[in-house]
């Protein structure tokens, strides 16, 4: 299990990777379609990275149904089971919201005036 970065660190990791892996220079003479593709690529790449990182976090944490009852009870004593489930659910919700927001922005970039 890898270390889960804090919220600010996760954002910094994702945005720095996006900056490194996608083109960064926009010139004055670019046509509007090329500019739209440029920014759509950045939005899609960022969304994919967030989805991958958050999916990895969710997948690496054990499912409560799959662990031995002793460890389930230990988890409940040390860290409330309901809080654990709620936290993983919130990560999953964040992942889905990021996907929806990215799709909305891609639509705005693609069809905007």
Protein backbone atom coordinates (compact mmCIF):
# COMPACT_ATOMS: atom_id res chain seq x y z
CA UNK A 1 0.00 0.00 0.00
CA UNK A 2 1.42 3.33 -1.03
CA UNK A 3 1.23 6.52 0.98
CA UNK A 4 -1.88 8.59 0.30
CA UNK A 5 -0.82 12.18 -0.42
CA UNK A 6 -2.65 15.11 1.13
CA UNK A 7 -5.12 17.03 -1.01
CA UNK A 8 -2.70 19.81 -1.92
CA UNK A 9 0.09 17.33 -2.67
CA UNK A 10 -2.23 15.27 -4.90
CA UNK A 11 -3.20 18.38 -6.86
CA UNK A 12 0.47 19.39 -7.21
CA UNK A 13 1.42 15.89 -8.41
CA UNK A 14 -1.35 15.77 -10.99
CA UNK A 15 -0.84 19.29 -12.32
CA UNK A 16 2.94 18.95 -12.56
CA UNK A 17 2.52 15.68 -14.46
CA UNK A 18 0.02 17.35 -16.79
CA UNK A 19 2.44 20.21 -17.35
CA UNK A 20 5.28 17.79 -18.16
CA UNK A 21 3.33 15.40 -20.38
CA UNK A 22 1.29 17.80 -22.51
CA UNK A 23 2.35 20.65 -24.79
CA UNK A 24 2.78 23.95 -22.96
CA UNK A 25 3.26 26.67 -25.59
CA UNK A 26 0.41 28.45 -27.36
CA UNK A 27 1.39 30.77 -30.19
CA UNK A 28 -0.51 33.84 -31.36
CA UNK A 29 -1.26 32.55 -34.84
CA UNK A 30 -2.97 29.30 -33.84
CA UNK A 31 -6.43 28.71 -35.26
CA UNK A 32 -9.30 28.46 -32.78
CA UNK A 33 -9.72 24.73 -33.43
CA UNK A 34 -6.10 24.09 -32.58
CA UNK A 35 -6.45 26.09 -29.36
CA UNK A 36 -9.56 24.13 -28.43
CA UNK A 37 -7.78 20.83 -29.04
CA UNK A 38 -4.82 22.04 -27.00
CA UNK A 39 -6.95 22.79 -23.93
CA UNK A 40 -9.24 19.78 -24.38
CA UNK A 41 -6.16 17.56 -24.33
CA UNK A 42 -5.01 19.16 -21.07
CA UNK A 43 -8.43 18.76 -19.43
CA UNK A 44 -8.75 15.13 -20.53
CA UNK A 45 -5.22 14.28 -19.43
CA UNK A 46 -5.74 15.87 -16.02
CA UNK A 47 -9.05 14.02 -15.57
CA UNK A 48 -7.42 10.71 -16.51
CA UNK A 49 -4.61 11.26 -14.01
CA UNK A 50 -7.04 12.12 -11.21
CA UNK A 51 -9.13 9.06 -12.06
CA UNK A 52 -6.09 6.78 -12.03
CA UNK A 53 -4.70 8.13 -8.74
CA UNK A 54 -8.04 8.04 -6.91
CA UNK A 55 -8.83 4.57 -8.30
CA UNK A 56 -5.46 3.33 -7.06
CA UNK A 57 -6.20 4.71 -3.59
CA UNK A 58 -9.63 3.05 -3.52
CA UNK A 59 -8.32 -0.29 -4.84
CA UNK A 60 -5.35 -0.46 -2.46
CA UNK A 61 -7.46 -0.13 0.68
CA UNK A 62 -8.96 -3.45 1.73
CA UNK A 63 -12.68 -4.08 1.40
CA UNK A 64 -14.26 -4.66 4.79
CA UNK A 65 -16.09 -7.73 3.50
CA UNK A 66 -12.85 -9.39 2.38
CA UNK A 67 -10.79 -9.07 5.55
CA UNK A 68 -10.72 -11.48 8.48
CA UNK A 69 -13.30 -10.70 11.23
CA UNK A 70 -10.49 -10.13 13.74
CA UNK A 71 -9.03 -7.35 11.59
CA UNK A 72 -12.51 -5.97 11.02
CA UNK A 73 -13.05 -5.70 14.77
CA UNK A 74 -9.58 -4.21 15.22
CA UNK A 75 -10.35 -1.63 12.55
CA UNK A 76 -13.60 -0.79 14.30
CA UNK A 77 -11.77 -0.27 17.61
CA UNK A 78 -8.87 1.76 16.23
CA UNK A 79 -10.71 3.56 13.44
CA UNK A 80 -14.49 3.54 13.15
CA UNK A 81 -15.73 1.24 10.34
CA UNK A 82 -18.43 3.68 9.34
CA UNK A 83 -15.90 6.51 9.07
CA UNK A 84 -13.64 4.25 6.95
CA UNK A 85 -16.47 3.40 4.57
CA UNK A 86 -17.55 7.02 4.42
CA UNK A 87 -14.02 8.19 3.57
CA UNK A 88 -13.66 5.67 0.73
CA UNK A 89 -17.11 6.62 -0.53
CA UNK A 90 -16.15 10.28 -0.56
CA UNK A 91 -13.04 9.49 -2.61
CA UNK A 92 -15.21 7.57 -5.07
CA UNK A 93 -17.66 10.49 -5.24
CA UNK A 94 -14.80 12.92 -5.84
CA UNK A 95 -13.53 10.71 -8.67
CA UNK A 96 -16.96 10.70 -10.32
CA UNK A 97 -17.43 14.45 -9.87
CA UNK A 98 -14.03 15.14 -11.44
CA UNK A 99 -15.04 13.05 -14.44
CA UNK A 100 -18.34 14.92 -14.83
CA UNK A 101 -16.68 18.32 -14.50
CA UNK A 102 -14.01 17.36 -17.05
CA UNK A 103 -16.65 16.18 -19.51
CA UNK A 104 -18.60 19.42 -19.05
CA UNK A 105 -15.49 21.50 -19.67
CA UNK A 106 -14.57 19.48 -22.75
CA UNK A 107 -18.07 20.12 -24.11
CA UNK A 108 -17.71 23.83 -23.35
CA UNK A 109 -14.33 23.94 -25.07
CA UNK A 110 -15.55 21.96 -28.04
CA UNK A 111 -18.83 23.74 -28.71
CA UNK A 112 -18.30 27.14 -27.09
CA UNK A 113 -18.59 30.34 -29.07
